[in-house]
PDB file of all heavy atoms in Angstrom:
ATOM      1  N   GLN A   1     -14.911  -4.059   5.784  1.00  0.00           N
ATOM      2  CA  GLN A   1     -14.111  -2.844   5.892  1.00  0.00           C
ATOM      3  C   GLN A   1     -12.833  -3.069   6.693  1.00  0.00           C
ATOM      4  O   GLN A   1     -11.740  -2.631   6.294  1.00  0.00           O
ATOM      5  CB  GLN A   1     -14.902  -1.703   6.499  1.00  0.00           C
ATOM      6  CG  GLN A   1     -14.131  -0.395   6.471  1.00  0.00           C
ATOM      7  CD  GLN A   1     -14.854   0.727   7.202  1.00  0.00           C
ATOM      8  OE1 GLN A   1     -15.509   0.505   8.182  1.00  0.00           O
ATOM      9  NE2 GLN A   1     -14.743   1.925   6.650  1.00  0.00           N
ATOM     10  N   ARG A   2     -12.906  -3.804   7.799  1.00  0.00           N
ATOM     11  CA  ARG A   2     -11.738  -4.074   8.598  1.00  0.00           C
ATOM     12  C   ARG A   2     -10.726  -4.909   7.813  1.00  0.00           C
ATOM     13  O   ARG A   2      -9.525  -4.632   7.817  1.00  0.00           O
ATOM     14  CB  ARG A   2     -12.149  -4.768   9.876  1.00  0.00           C
ATOM     15  CG  ARG A   2     -10.944  -5.157  10.746  1.00  0.00           C
ATOM     16  CD  ARG A   2     -11.405  -5.865  11.998  1.00  0.00           C
ATOM     17  NE  ARG A   2     -10.267  -6.211  12.780  1.00  0.00           N
ATOM     18  CZ  ARG A   2     -10.221  -7.214  13.673  1.00  0.00           C
ATOM     19  NH1 ARG A   2     -11.302  -7.933  13.857  1.00  0.00           N
ATOM     20  NH2 ARG A   2      -9.142  -7.467  14.351  1.00  0.00           N
ATOM     21  N   THR A   3     -11.219  -5.951   7.132  1.00  0.00           N
ATOM     22  CA  THR A   3     -10.321  -6.810   6.344  1.00  0.00           C
ATOM     23  C   THR A   3      -9.655  -5.968   5.233  1.00  0.00           C
ATOM     24  O   THR A   3      -8.440  -6.071   5.047  1.00  0.00           O
ATOM     25  CB  THR A   3     -11.138  -7.924   5.668  1.00  0.00           C
ATOM     26  OG1 THR A   3     -11.714  -8.707   6.736  1.00  0.00           O
ATOM     27  CG2 THR A   3     -10.237  -8.844   4.871  1.00  0.00           C
ATOM     28  N   TYR A   4     -10.430  -5.131   4.562  1.00  0.00           N
ATOM     29  CA  TYR A   4      -9.833  -4.274   3.495  1.00  0.00           C
ATOM     30  C   TYR A   4      -8.784  -3.362   4.107  1.00  0.00           C
ATOM     31  O   TYR A   4      -7.743  -3.145   3.476  1.00  0.00           O
ATOM     32  CB  TYR A   4     -10.941  -3.429   2.862  1.00  0.00           C
ATOM     33  CG  TYR A   4     -11.843  -4.166   1.919  1.00  0.00           C
ATOM     34  CD1 TYR A   4     -13.041  -3.577   1.504  1.00  0.00           C
ATOM     35  CD2 TYR A   4     -11.553  -5.413   1.421  1.00  0.00           C
ATOM     36  CE1 TYR A   4     -13.878  -4.261   0.659  1.00  0.00           C
ATOM     37  CE2 TYR A   4     -12.409  -6.088   0.568  1.00  0.00           C
ATOM     38  CZ  TYR A   4     -13.576  -5.474   0.171  1.00  0.00           C
ATOM     39  OH  TYR A   4     -14.430  -6.115  -0.674  1.00  0.00           O
ATOM     40  N   ALA A   5      -9.018  -2.820   5.278  1.00  0.00           N
ATOM     41  CA  ALA A   5      -8.080  -1.929   5.908  1.00  0.00           C
ATOM     42  C   ALA A   5      -6.728  -2.617   6.168  1.00  0.00           C
ATOM     43  O   ALA A   5      -5.664  -2.083   5.871  1.00  0.00           O
ATOM     44  CB  ALA A   5      -8.624  -1.335   7.201  1.00  0.00           C
ATOM     45  N   TYR A   6      -6.761  -3.822   6.687  1.00  0.00           N
ATOM     46  CA  TYR A   6      -5.516  -4.564   6.978  1.00  0.00           C
ATOM     47  C   TYR A   6      -4.799  -4.981   5.719  1.00  0.00           C
ATOM     48  O   TYR A   6      -3.566  -4.925   5.670  1.00  0.00           O
ATOM     49  CB  TYR A   6      -5.784  -5.751   7.910  1.00  0.00           C
ATOM     50  CG  TYR A   6      -5.869  -5.312   9.347  1.00  0.00           C
ATOM     51  CD1 TYR A   6      -7.117  -5.184   9.978  1.00  0.00           C
ATOM     52  CD2 TYR A   6      -4.749  -5.028  10.081  1.00  0.00           C
ATOM     53  CE1 TYR A   6      -7.234  -4.746  11.261  1.00  0.00           C
ATOM     54  CE2 TYR A   6      -4.827  -4.594  11.413  1.00  0.00           C
ATOM     55  CZ  TYR A   6      -6.078  -4.479  12.004  1.00  0.00           C
ATOM     56  OH  TYR A   6      -6.159  -4.025  13.283  1.00  0.00           O
ATOM     57  N   LEU A   7      -5.523  -5.371   4.680  1.00  0.00           N
ATOM     58  CA  LEU A   7      -4.901  -5.721   3.419  1.00  0.00           C
ATOM     59  C   LEU A   7      -4.277  -4.484   2.762  1.00  0.00           C
ATOM     60  O   LEU A   7      -3.200  -4.517   2.210  1.00  0.00           O
ATOM     61  CB  LEU A   7      -5.907  -6.397   2.491  1.00  0.00           C
ATOM     62  CG  LEU A   7      -6.370  -7.770   2.920  1.00  0.00           C
ATOM     63  CD1 LEU A   7      -7.502  -8.225   2.025  1.00  0.00           C
ATOM     64  CD2 LEU A   7      -5.241  -8.773   2.939  1.00  0.00           C
ATOM     65  N   LEU A   8      -5.020  -3.372   2.797  1.00  0.00           N
ATOM     66  CA  LEU A   8      -4.567  -2.133   2.227  1.00  0.00           C
ATOM     67  C   LEU A   8      -3.336  -1.570   2.938  1.00  0.00           C
ATOM     68  O   LEU A   8      -2.402  -1.120   2.300  1.00  0.00           O
ATOM     69  CB  LEU A   8      -5.721  -1.122   2.202  1.00  0.00           C
ATOM     70  CG  LEU A   8      -5.435   0.210   1.489  1.00  0.00           C
ATOM     71  CD1 LEU A   8      -4.969   0.003   0.043  1.00  0.00           C
ATOM     72  CD2 LEU A   8      -6.722   1.042   1.517  1.00  0.00           C
ATOM     73  N   VAL A   9      -3.319  -1.652   4.243  1.00  0.00           N
ATOM     74  CA  VAL A   9      -2.146  -1.105   4.989  1.00  0.00           C
ATOM     75  C   VAL A   9      -0.935  -1.950   4.662  1.00  0.00           C
ATOM     76  O   VAL A   9       0.179  -1.396   4.530  1.00  0.00           O
ATOM     77  CB  VAL A   9      -2.392  -1.018   6.492  1.00  0.00           C
ATOM     78  CG1 VAL A   9      -2.235  -2.339   7.194  1.00  0.00           C
ATOM     79  CG2 VAL A   9      -1.434   0.008   7.129  1.00  0.00           C
ATOM     80  N   ASP A  10      -1.068  -3.220   4.471  1.00  0.00           N
ATOM     81  CA  ASP A  10       0.063  -4.054   4.045  1.00  0.00           C
ATOM     82  C   ASP A  10       0.571  -3.620   2.709  1.00  0.00           C
ATOM     83  O   ASP A  10       1.818  -3.501   2.509  1.00  0.00           O
ATOM     84  CB  ASP A  10      -0.365  -5.517   3.999  1.00  0.00           C
ATOM     85  CG  ASP A  10       0.768  -6.457   3.646  1.00  0.00           C
ATOM     86  OD1 ASP A  10       1.747  -6.455   4.407  1.00  0.00           O
ATOM     87  OD2 ASP A  10       0.676  -7.146   2.641  1.00  0.00           O
ATOM     88  N   HIS A  11      -0.296  -3.371   1.758  1.00  0.00           N
ATOM     89  CA  HIS A  11       0.100  -2.926   0.434  1.00  0.00           C
ATOM     90  C   HIS A  11       0.784  -1.546   0.495  1.00  0.00           C
ATOM     91  O   HIS A  11       1.825  -1.303  -0.138  1.00  0.00           O
ATOM     92  CB  HIS A  11      -1.102  -2.871  -0.487  1.00  0.00           C
ATOM     93  CG  HIS A  11      -0.764  -2.375  -1.874  1.00  0.00           C
ATOM     94  ND1 HIS A  11       0.017  -3.095  -2.742  1.00  0.00           N
ATOM     95  CD2 HIS A  11      -1.112  -1.240  -2.486  1.00  0.00           C
ATOM     96  CE1 HIS A  11       0.136  -2.399  -3.850  1.00  0.00           C
ATOM     97  NE2 HIS A  11      -0.520  -1.282  -3.741  1.00  0.00           N
ATOM     98  N   LEU A  12       0.225  -0.630   1.280  1.00  0.00           N
ATOM     99  CA  LEU A  12       0.816   0.716   1.404  1.00  0.00           C
ATOM    100  C   LEU A  12       2.190   0.660   2.054  1.00  0.00           C
ATOM    101  O   LEU A  12       3.099   1.419   1.644  1.00  0.00           O
ATOM    102  CB  LEU A  12      -0.129   1.627   2.172  1.00  0.00           C
ATOM    103  CG  LEU A  12      -1.458   1.960   1.464  1.00  0.00           C
ATOM    104  CD1 LEU A  12      -2.393   2.665   2.416  1.00  0.00           C
ATOM    105  CD2 LEU A  12      -1.233   2.753   0.198  1.00  0.00           C
ATOM    106  N   ARG A  13       2.376  -0.185   3.029  1.00  0.00           N
ATOM    107  CA  ARG A  13       3.693  -0.374   3.636  1.00  0.00           C
ATOM    108  C   ARG A  13       4.684  -0.883   2.594  1.00  0.00           C
ATOM    109  O   ARG A  13       5.839  -0.448   2.562  1.00  0.00           O
ATOM    110  CB  ARG A  13       3.612  -1.311   4.837  1.00  0.00           C
ATOM    111  CG  ARG A  13       2.964  -0.731   6.041  1.00  0.00           C
ATOM    112  CD  ARG A  13       2.811  -1.784   7.111  1.00  0.00           C
ATOM    113  NE  ARG A  13       2.192  -1.266   8.307  1.00  0.00           N
ATOM    114  CZ  ARG A  13       1.770  -2.008   9.294  1.00  0.00           C
ATOM    115  NH1 ARG A  13       1.890  -3.322   9.245  1.00  0.00           N
ATOM    116  NH2 ARG A  13       1.210  -1.424  10.356  1.00  0.00           N
ATOM    117  N   TRP A  14       4.250  -1.815   1.747  1.00  0.00           N
ATOM    118  CA  TRP A  14       5.139  -2.344   0.711  1.00  0.00           C
ATOM    119  C   TRP A  14       5.536  -1.196  -0.280  1.00  0.00           C
ATOM    120  O   TRP A  14       6.694  -1.104  -0.628  1.00  0.00           O
ATOM    121  CB  TRP A  14       4.416  -3.464  -0.025  1.00  0.00           C
ATOM    122  CG  TRP A  14       5.242  -4.025  -1.150  1.00  0.00           C
ATOM    123  CD1 TRP A  14       6.268  -4.933  -1.043  1.00  0.00           C
ATOM    124  CD2 TRP A  14       5.126  -3.753  -2.534  1.00  0.00           C
ATOM    125  NE1 TRP A  14       6.791  -5.230  -2.264  1.00  0.00           N
ATOM    126  CE2 TRP A  14       6.094  -4.502  -3.219  1.00  0.00           C
ATOM    127  CE3 TRP A  14       4.312  -2.913  -3.257  1.00  0.00           C
ATOM    128  CZ2 TRP A  14       6.279  -4.429  -4.565  1.00  0.00           C
ATOM    129  CZ3 TRP A  14       4.465  -2.809  -4.612  1.00  0.00           C
ATOM    130  CH2 TRP A  14       5.449  -3.598  -5.280  1.00  0.00           C
ATOM    131  N   LEU A  15       4.557  -0.379  -0.667  1.00  0.00           N
ATOM    132  CA  LEU A  15       4.857   0.724  -1.560  1.00  0.00           C
ATOM    133  C   LEU A  15       5.932   1.634  -0.950  1.00  0.00           C
ATOM    134  O   LEU A  15       6.855   2.037  -1.674  1.00  0.00           O
ATOM    135  CB  LEU A  15       3.598   1.572  -1.856  1.00  0.00           C
ATOM    136  CG  LEU A  15       2.506   0.947  -2.735  1.00  0.00           C
ATOM    137  CD1 LEU A  15       1.322   1.889  -2.834  1.00  0.00           C
ATOM    138  CD2 LEU A  15       3.095   0.640  -4.093  1.00  0.00           C
ATOM    139  N   GLU A  16       5.783   1.893   0.318  1.00  0.00           N
ATOM    140  CA  GLU A  16       6.734   2.762   1.036  1.00  0.00           C
ATOM    141  C   GLU A  16       8.111   2.124   1.018  1.00  0.00           C
ATOM    142  O   GLU A  16       9.139   2.771   0.778  1.00  0.00           O
ATOM    143  CB  GLU A  16       6.238   3.012   2.418  1.00  0.00           C
ATOM    144  CG  GLU A  16       6.962   4.141   3.129  1.00  0.00           C
ATOM    145  CD  GLU A  16       6.288   4.508   4.451  1.00  0.00           C
ATOM    146  OE1 GLU A  16       5.299   5.257   4.404  1.00  0.00           O
ATOM    147  OE2 GLU A  16       6.755   4.011   5.459  1.00  0.00           O
ATOM    148  N   ARG A  17       8.194   0.825   1.312  1.00  0.00           N
ATOM    149  CA  ARG A  17       9.483   0.151   1.323  1.00  0.00           C
ATOM    150  C   ARG A  17      10.139   0.065  -0.034  1.00  0.00           C
ATOM    151  O   ARG A  17      11.375   0.003  -0.172  1.00  0.00           O
ATOM    152  CB  ARG A  17       9.306  -1.238   1.946  1.00  0.00           C
ATOM    153  CG  ARG A  17       9.131  -1.221   3.448  1.00  0.00           C
ATOM    154  CD  ARG A  17       9.059  -2.581   4.050  1.00  0.00           C
ATOM    155  NE  ARG A  17       8.757  -2.466   5.459  1.00  0.00           N
ATOM    156  CZ  ARG A  17       7.508  -2.463   5.970  1.00  0.00           C
ATOM    157  NH1 ARG A  17       6.475  -2.572   5.174  1.00  0.00           N
ATOM    158  NH2 ARG A  17       7.319  -2.379   7.260  1.00  0.00           N
ATOM    159  N   GLU A  18       9.320   0.022  -1.068  1.00  0.00           N
ATOM    160  CA  GLU A  18       9.820  -0.035  -2.465  1.00  0.00           C
ATOM    161  C   GLU A  18      10.087   1.351  -3.024  1.00  0.00           C
ATOM    162  O   GLU A  18      10.481   1.476  -4.174  1.00  0.00           O
ATOM    163  CB  GLU A  18       8.791  -0.773  -3.365  1.00  0.00           C
ATOM    164  CG  GLU A  18       8.629  -2.235  -3.035  1.00  0.00           C
ATOM    165  CD  GLU A  18       9.881  -3.026  -3.359  1.00  0.00           C
ATOM    166  OE1 GLU A  18      10.433  -2.912  -4.478  1.00  0.00           O
ATOM    167  OE2 GLU A  18      10.304  -3.809  -2.464  1.00  0.00           O
ATOM    168  N   CYS A  19       9.830   2.376  -2.193  1.00  0.00           N
ATOM    169  CA  CYS A  19      10.001   3.800  -2.619  1.00  0.00           C
ATOM    170  C   CYS A  19       9.166   4.143  -3.843  1.00  0.00           C
ATOM    171  O   CYS A  19       9.617   4.838  -4.779  1.00  0.00           O
ATOM    172  CB  CYS A  19      11.480   4.090  -2.883  1.00  0.00           C
ATOM    173  SG  CYS A  19      12.526   3.875  -1.431  1.00  0.00           S
ATOM    174  N   LEU A  20       7.926   3.605  -3.887  1.00  0.00           N
ATOM    175  CA  LEU A  20       7.011   3.885  -4.971  1.00  0.00           C
ATOM    176  C   LEU A  20       5.970   4.893  -4.505  1.00  0.00           C
ATOM    177  O   LEU A  20       5.336   4.702  -3.469  1.00  0.00           O
ATOM    178  CB  LEU A  20       6.320   2.643  -5.412  1.00  0.00           C
ATOM    179  CG  LEU A  20       7.199   1.572  -6.062  1.00  0.00           C
ATOM    180  CD1 LEU A  20       6.434   0.266  -6.260  1.00  0.00           C
ATOM    181  CD2 LEU A  20       7.707   2.062  -7.400  1.00  0.00           C
ATOM    182  N   ALA A  21       5.801   5.957  -5.244  1.00  0.00           N
ATOM    183  CA  ALA A  21       4.794   6.964  -4.942  1.00  0.00           C
ATOM    184  C   ALA A  21       3.407   6.348  -5.219  1.00  0.00           C
ATOM    185  O   ALA A  21       3.238   5.640  -6.224  1.00  0.00           O
ATOM    186  CB  ALA A  21       4.986   8.199  -5.755  1.00  0.00           C
ATOM    187  N   PHE A  22       2.462   6.654  -4.380  1.00  0.00           N
ATOM    188  CA  PHE A  22       1.106   6.112  -4.531  1.00  0.00           C
ATOM    189  C   PHE A  22       0.535   6.376  -5.905  1.00  0.00           C
ATOM    190  O   PHE A  22      -0.012   5.486  -6.548  1.00  0.00           O
ATOM    191  CB  PHE A  22       0.188   6.751  -3.446  1.00  0.00           C
ATOM    192  CG  PHE A  22      -1.183   6.199  -3.414  1.00  0.00           C
ATOM    193  CD1 PHE A  22      -1.490   5.017  -2.791  1.00  0.00           C
ATOM    194  CD2 PHE A  22      -2.208   6.899  -4.006  1.00  0.00           C
ATOM    195  CE1 PHE A  22      -2.761   4.527  -2.772  1.00  0.00           C
ATOM    196  CE2 PHE A  22      -3.512   6.430  -3.985  1.00  0.00           C
ATOM    197  CZ  PHE A  22      -3.764   5.231  -3.371  1.00  0.00           C
ATOM    198  N   ALA A  23       0.684   7.582  -6.398  1.00  0.00           N
ATOM    199  CA  ALA A  23       0.117   7.961  -7.699  1.00  0.00           C
ATOM    200  C   ALA A  23       0.910   7.432  -8.902  1.00  0.00           C
ATOM    201  O   ALA A  23       0.465   7.480 -10.026  1.00  0.00           O
ATOM    202  CB  ALA A  23       0.009   9.465  -7.794  1.00  0.00           C
ATOM    203  N   ALA A  24       2.114   6.950  -8.671  1.00  0.00           N
ATOM    204  CA  ALA A  24       2.972   6.514  -9.762  1.00  0.00           C
ATOM    205  C   ALA A  24       3.043   5.005  -9.956  1.00  0.00           C
ATOM    206  O   ALA A  24       3.807   4.507 -10.771  1.00  0.00           O
ATOM    207  CB  ALA A  24       4.389   7.038  -9.540  1.00  0.00           C
ATOM    208  N   VAL A  25       2.239   4.244  -9.230  1.00  0.00           N
ATOM    209  CA  VAL A  25       2.278   2.777  -9.327  1.00  0.00           C
ATOM    210  C   VAL A  25       1.791   2.331 -10.697  1.00  0.00           C
ATOM    211  O   VAL A  25       0.796   2.763 -11.200  1.00  0.00           O
ATOM    212  CB  VAL A  25       1.408   2.167  -8.224  1.00  0.00           C
ATOM    213  CG1 VAL A  25       1.316   0.654  -8.365  1.00  0.00           C
ATOM    214  CG2 VAL A  25       1.960   2.530  -6.869  1.00  0.00           C
ATOM    215  N   GLN A  26       2.557   1.424 -11.265  1.00  0.00           N
ATOM    216  CA  GLN A  26       2.230   0.820 -12.563  1.00  0.00           C
ATOM    217  C   GLN A  26       1.704  -0.605 -12.424  1.00  0.00           C
ATOM    218  O   GLN A  26       1.916  -1.185 -11.335  1.00  0.00           O
ATOM    219  CB  GLN A  26       3.490   0.814 -13.433  1.00  0.00           C
ATOM    220  CG  GLN A  26       4.212   2.141 -13.558  1.00  0.00           C
ATOM    221  CD  GLN A  26       3.639   2.926 -14.744  1.00  0.00           C
ATOM    222  OE1 GLN A  26       3.302   2.354 -15.769  1.00  0.00           O
ATOM    223  NE2 GLN A  26       3.590   4.229 -14.614  1.00  0.00           N
TER     224      GLN A  26
END
């Protein structure tokens, strides 16, 4: 769970920097 959390937060930060909405990712 901890590993998943750190990998997921990295991905979510990238989405934010790319201005991609969570629900709109292709």
